[in-house]
Protein backbone atom coordinates (compact mmCIF):
# COMPACT_ATOMS: atom_id res chain seq x y z
CA MET A 1 19.19 -28.39 -9.78
CA ALA A 2 22.77 -28.95 -8.74
CA PRO A 3 25.64 -26.56 -8.27
CA GLU A 4 27.53 -25.96 -11.46
CA MET A 5 30.87 -24.29 -11.93
CA GLU A 6 33.17 -25.79 -14.48
CA GLY A 7 36.52 -24.42 -15.56
CA THR A 8 37.45 -21.17 -17.21
CA LEU A 9 34.61 -20.84 -19.66
CA ASN A 10 34.90 -17.13 -20.42
CA ASP A 11 34.78 -17.70 -24.17
CA ARG A 12 31.19 -17.80 -25.43
CA ALA A 13 31.99 -20.54 -27.96
CA ALA A 14 33.38 -22.68 -25.14
CA VAL A 15 30.29 -22.05 -23.05
CA ARG A 16 28.03 -22.95 -25.96
CA LYS A 17 29.96 -26.21 -26.49
CA GLN A 18 29.90 -27.06 -22.78
CA TYR A 19 26.15 -26.62 -22.53
CA SER A 20 25.01 -27.51 -26.06
CA THR A 21 23.27 -30.59 -24.60
CA SER A 22 22.28 -31.62 -21.11
CA ALA A 23 24.52 -34.73 -20.99
CA ASN A 24 27.51 -33.28 -19.11
CA LEU A 25 25.24 -31.27 -16.83
CA SER A 26 23.21 -34.37 -15.97
CA THR A 27 26.40 -36.22 -15.04
CA ARG A 28 27.37 -33.45 -12.64
CA ILE A 29 23.89 -33.13 -11.20
CA SER A 30 23.88 -36.84 -10.35
CA ILE A 31 27.03 -36.64 -8.21
CA HIS A 32 25.41 -34.00 -6.02
CA SER A 33 22.09 -35.85 -5.82
CA LYS A 34 23.77 -39.09 -4.81
CA TYR A 35 26.49 -38.01 -2.38
CA SER A 36 25.62 -34.61 -0.85
CA THR A 37 25.49 -34.61 2.94
CA ASN A 38 22.83 -31.89 3.02
CA LYS A 39 19.72 -33.80 1.97
CA GLN A 40 17.60 -30.68 1.50
CA GLY A 41 19.24 -30.24 -1.88
CA PHE A 42 20.78 -27.03 -3.18
CA GLY A 43 17.91 -26.35 -5.58
CA ASN A 44 15.29 -26.76 -2.84
CA TRP A 45 17.31 -24.51 -0.56
CA ILE A 46 17.57 -21.82 -3.24
CA VAL A 47 13.85 -21.87 -4.00
CA SER A 48 13.03 -21.69 -0.27
CA HIS A 49 14.52 -18.17 -0.30
CA TYR A 50 12.46 -16.93 -3.25
CA ASP A 51 9.69 -14.48 -2.41
CA LEU A 52 7.40 -15.27 -5.33
CA ARG A 53 3.84 -14.17 -4.67
CA PRO A 54 0.71 -14.73 -6.78
CA GLY A 55 0.49 -12.44 -9.79
CA MET A 56 4.21 -11.77 -10.07
CA SER A 57 6.20 -11.76 -13.31
CA VAL A 58 9.41 -13.83 -13.13
CA LEU A 59 12.38 -14.23 -15.47
CA GLU A 60 14.98 -16.96 -15.05
CA LEU A 61 18.23 -16.56 -16.97
CA GLY A 62 20.35 -19.66 -17.54
CA CYS A 63 17.59 -22.04 -16.47
CA GLY A 64 19.51 -25.11 -17.65
CA THR A 65 17.39 -28.25 -17.57
CA GLY A 66 14.75 -26.61 -15.40
CA GLU A 67 15.07 -29.35 -12.77
CA ILE A 68 14.98 -26.82 -9.95
CA TRP A 69 11.25 -26.40 -10.69
CA LEU A 70 10.25 -30.05 -10.76
CA GLY A 71 7.58 -30.58 -8.12
CA LYS A 72 7.16 -26.82 -7.74
CA GLN A 73 4.77 -26.18 -10.63
CA GLU A 74 2.20 -24.76 -8.21
CA MET A 75 4.59 -21.88 -7.52
CA ILE A 76 4.90 -21.27 -11.27
CA ARG A 77 1.12 -21.44 -11.82
CA GLY A 78 0.64 -18.70 -9.23
CA CYS A 79 2.71 -16.27 -11.29
CA ALA A 80 1.14 -14.04 -13.93
CA ARG A 81 4.14 -14.65 -16.20
CA PHE A 82 7.07 -17.05 -15.90
CA VAL A 83 9.86 -16.87 -18.48
CA LEU A 84 12.44 -19.67 -18.53
CA SER A 85 15.45 -18.76 -20.64
CA ASP A 86 18.91 -20.04 -21.45
CA PHE A 87 21.81 -19.15 -23.73
CA SER A 88 21.74 -22.74 -25.02
CA GLU A 89 18.92 -24.03 -27.21
CA GLY A 90 19.78 -27.58 -26.12
CA MET A 91 19.33 -26.74 -22.45
CA LEU A 92 16.07 -24.93 -23.15
CA ALA A 93 14.74 -27.93 -25.06
CA LYS A 94 15.49 -30.14 -22.03
CA ALA A 95 13.75 -27.66 -19.72
CA ARG A 96 10.68 -27.71 -21.96
CA GLU A 97 10.75 -31.52 -21.89
CA ASN A 98 11.00 -31.56 -18.08
CA LEU A 99 8.37 -28.94 -17.32
CA GLY A 100 6.06 -29.08 -20.33
CA GLU A 101 3.81 -26.39 -21.70
CA ALA A 102 1.54 -24.21 -19.56
CA ASP A 103 -0.32 -20.96 -20.04
CA ARG A 104 2.03 -18.93 -17.86
CA ILE A 105 5.36 -20.49 -18.94
CA GLU A 106 7.42 -19.07 -21.79
CA TYR A 107 10.67 -20.57 -23.10
CA ARG A 108 13.13 -18.12 -24.65
CA VAL A 109 16.77 -18.20 -25.82
CA ILE A 110 18.23 -15.12 -24.12
CA ASP A 111 21.67 -13.63 -23.53
CA ILE A 112 21.75 -11.80 -20.20
CA GLN A 113 23.80 -9.05 -21.84
CA GLU A 114 20.86 -8.20 -24.13
CA ILE A 115 17.59 -9.03 -22.37
CA PRO A 116 14.80 -8.51 -24.93
CA PHE A 117 12.19 -7.06 -22.57
CA PRO A 118 11.14 -3.48 -21.73
CA ASP A 119 12.27 -1.67 -18.60
CA ARG A 120 10.53 -2.70 -15.36
CA SER A 121 9.03 -5.90 -16.76
CA PHE A 122 9.65 -8.35 -13.88
CA ASP A 123 9.10 -8.56 -10.14
CA ALA A 124 11.91 -11.12 -9.82
CA VAL A 125 14.89 -12.16 -11.93
CA ILE A 126 16.81 -15.39 -11.27
CA ALA A 127 20.31 -16.31 -12.52
CA ASN A 128 21.79 -19.38 -10.83
CA MET A 129 25.33 -20.72 -11.34
CA MET A 130 25.89 -18.79 -14.56
CA LEU A 131 27.05 -15.22 -13.90
CA TYR A 132 30.73 -16.26 -14.00
CA HIS A 133 30.20 -17.24 -17.66
CA VAL A 134 29.09 -13.73 -18.72
CA PRO A 135 31.80 -11.93 -20.74
CA ASP A 136 30.60 -8.42 -19.77
CA LEU A 137 29.20 -9.04 -16.31
CA SER A 138 28.60 -5.34 -15.56
CA LYS A 139 26.49 -5.06 -18.68
CA GLY A 140 24.55 -8.18 -17.76
CA LEU A 141 23.86 -6.91 -14.24
CA ARG A 142 22.72 -3.54 -15.59
CA GLU A 143 20.34 -5.36 -17.92
CA VAL A 144 18.91 -7.28 -14.97
CA ARG A 145 18.40 -4.07 -13.01
CA ARG A 146 16.78 -2.44 -16.05
CA VAL A 147 14.10 -5.12 -16.43
CA LEU A 148 13.35 -5.32 -12.69
CA LYS A 149 10.37 -3.42 -11.35
CA PRO A 150 10.93 -0.99 -8.43
CA GLY A 151 11.23 -3.10 -5.28
CA GLY A 152 11.98 -6.23 -7.32
CA ALA A 153 14.59 -8.81 -6.34
CA PHE A 154 17.47 -10.46 -8.18
CA TYR A 155 18.34 -13.98 -6.98
CA CYS A 156 21.69 -15.41 -8.06
CA ALA A 157 23.40 -18.55 -6.77
CA THR A 158 27.12 -19.15 -7.18
CA PHE A 159 30.10 -21.03 -5.74
CA GLY A 160 32.84 -20.13 -3.30
CA GLU A 161 36.58 -20.19 -3.88
CA ASN A 162 37.34 -23.00 -1.40
CA GLY A 163 35.17 -25.82 -2.63
CA MET A 164 35.15 -28.82 -4.94
CA MET A 165 37.41 -27.62 -7.74
CA ASP A 166 40.05 -26.32 -5.36
CA TYR A 167 40.09 -29.72 -3.63
CA ILE A 168 40.12 -31.75 -6.87
CA CYS A 169 42.91 -29.67 -8.41
CA GLY A 170 44.91 -30.10 -5.22
CA LEU A 171 44.65 -33.88 -5.49
CA PHE A 172 46.10 -33.77 -9.02
CA SER A 173 48.64 -30.94 -8.60
CA ALA A 174 51.51 -33.43 -9.12
CA TYR A 175 50.17 -33.97 -12.65
CA GLY A 176 50.37 -30.28 -13.51
CA VAL A 177 46.69 -29.62 -12.88
CA LYS A 178 46.17 -26.03 -11.77
CA ASN A 179 43.15 -24.40 -10.23
CA ASP A 180 42.40 -21.86 -12.95
CA VAL A 181 38.66 -21.89 -12.30
CA ASN A 182 36.79 -18.80 -13.42
CA ARG A 183 36.35 -16.62 -10.33
CA SER A 184 34.66 -13.63 -11.92
CA PHE A 185 31.58 -14.02 -9.67
CA THR A 186 31.96 -15.96 -6.43
CA LEU A 187 30.65 -15.87 -2.88
CA GLN A 188 33.80 -13.95 -2.02
CA ASN A 189 33.55 -11.17 -4.63
CA GLY A 190 29.92 -11.24 -5.76
CA GLU A 191 28.61 -8.76 -3.21
CA SER A 192 30.88 -5.94 -4.35
CA LYS A 193 29.97 -6.56 -8.00
CA LEU A 194 26.26 -6.54 -7.24
CA LEU A 195 26.56 -3.36 -5.16
CA SER A 196 28.07 -1.58 -8.15
CA VAL A 197 24.63 -1.90 -9.77
CA PHE A 198 22.08 -2.60 -7.00
CA GLN A 199 21.35 -0.78 -3.75
CA ALA A 200 21.62 -3.81 -1.49
CA ALA A 201 22.93 -7.38 -1.64
CA GLU A 202 22.66 -10.14 0.95
CA CYS A 203 24.83 -13.28 0.88
CA LEU A 204 23.41 -16.61 2.11
CA ARG A 205 25.55 -19.76 2.43
CA TYR A 206 24.53 -23.39 1.95
CA GLU A 207 26.27 -25.89 4.23
CA ASP A 208 27.14 -29.08 2.35
CA ALA A 209 29.84 -31.58 1.29
CA LEU A 210 30.19 -34.74 -0.77
CA GLU A 211 30.83 -38.16 0.74
CA VAL A 212 31.58 -40.36 -2.27
CA THR A 213 31.59 -44.12 -1.80
CA ASP A 214 32.04 -45.15 -5.46
CA VAL A 215 34.97 -43.31 -7.04
CA ALA A 216 33.82 -44.42 -10.52
CA ASP A 217 31.06 -41.80 -10.21
CA MET A 218 33.65 -39.16 -9.39
CA VAL A 219 35.74 -40.21 -12.40
CA ASP A 220 32.67 -39.64 -14.60
CA TYR A 221 32.20 -36.23 -12.99
CA ILE A 222 35.81 -35.21 -13.65
CA CYS A 223 35.64 -36.40 -17.25
CA SER A 224 32.54 -34.23 -17.78
CA LEU A 225 34.51 -31.06 -16.97
CA THR A 226 35.05 -29.87 -20.54
CA ALA A 227 37.26 -26.93 -19.61
CA MET A 228 39.64 -28.88 -17.34
CA SER A 229 41.74 -30.22 -20.21
CA ALA A 230 44.86 -31.11 -18.18
CA LEU A 231 42.77 -33.21 -15.82
CA ARG A 232 40.66 -34.84 -18.51
CA GLN A 233 43.77 -35.94 -20.42
CA LEU A 234 44.76 -38.28 -17.61
CA PRO A 235 43.78 -41.95 -18.08
CA ARG A 236 40.60 -42.85 -16.24
CA ASP A 237 42.44 -45.57 -14.30
CA GLU A 238 44.97 -42.99 -13.08
CA ILE A 239 42.21 -40.63 -11.97
CA ARG A 240 40.49 -43.49 -10.19
CA ALA A 241 43.71 -44.51 -8.40
CA VAL A 242 44.35 -40.98 -7.10
CA LEU A 243 40.80 -40.67 -5.81
CA ALA A 244 40.88 -44.11 -4.18
CA LYS A 245 44.16 -43.28 -2.44
CA ASN A 246 42.46 -40.33 -0.73
CA MET A 247 39.50 -42.30 0.60
CA SER A 248 39.18 -42.84 4.33
CA GLY A 249 36.96 -45.59 5.69
CA GLY A 250 35.63 -46.19 2.20
CA ILE A 251 34.59 -42.55 1.75
CA LEU A 252 36.09 -39.73 -0.33
CA ARG A 253 35.13 -36.52 1.45
CA ILE A 254 35.01 -33.46 -0.79
CA PRO A 255 34.24 -29.94 0.49
CA LYS A 256 31.57 -27.86 -1.19
CA GLU A 257 31.10 -24.10 -0.96
CA TYR A 258 27.90 -22.77 -2.47
CA GLY A 259 25.38 -20.08 -1.71
CA MET A 260 23.34 -17.26 -3.17
CA PHE A 261 22.86 -13.51 -3.21
CA ILE A 262 19.62 -11.57 -3.02
CA ALA A 263 20.05 -8.13 -4.56
CA LYS A 264 17.50 -5.34 -4.55
């Protein structure tokens, strides 16, 4: 699983288009896998903070391709119930392909704003890199709290406001590219939003950056950002030239700011 945060996708139709298939997501995952300086991997780091004990019931919202769970099936098998869900049928199909069928795994298309489970159904709820897409975030968070059992935990990863997109938009500011990234749930403001619904929220930060040696990969990444229309309209050669100009010693260094909250 790689950090994801692309553009101003507040409109549900735009979100559905962005994530209708796993192609764009896979392009963005690859840039992190190939060039991140922190070799633990964001997904591995996130999972290392999960307190999932045998017999628990777990719900993941916005599971994407499910790659965060590859190699961790033993953790899933220990759970009494493990529901992988996504707003996108295409993403869910890819998750099913990656993880396969098992007695304890369920695949469901779910909107966080209307979680179709009774109160107090889950010991843990997970929602990584997706809360900023939710039109009515307060409603979504209340739904999460509703389906959590007493003493349960809500794990949600997100981005900070001084990371990749801020840097990339700065490189192309002369072309009219503005940093209008959706900041409805970030490392900077997420705690206050969680505390409006939950009793406690802890913020954990993941130290990382990109060191890109082949700018062609970064061009592919930029062209996968569906919501960044002003940037994507630039010719690929122009994008490549700007990136190459900012390399030092054959490396384009790009800051990353990611982390997670644990709410209870």
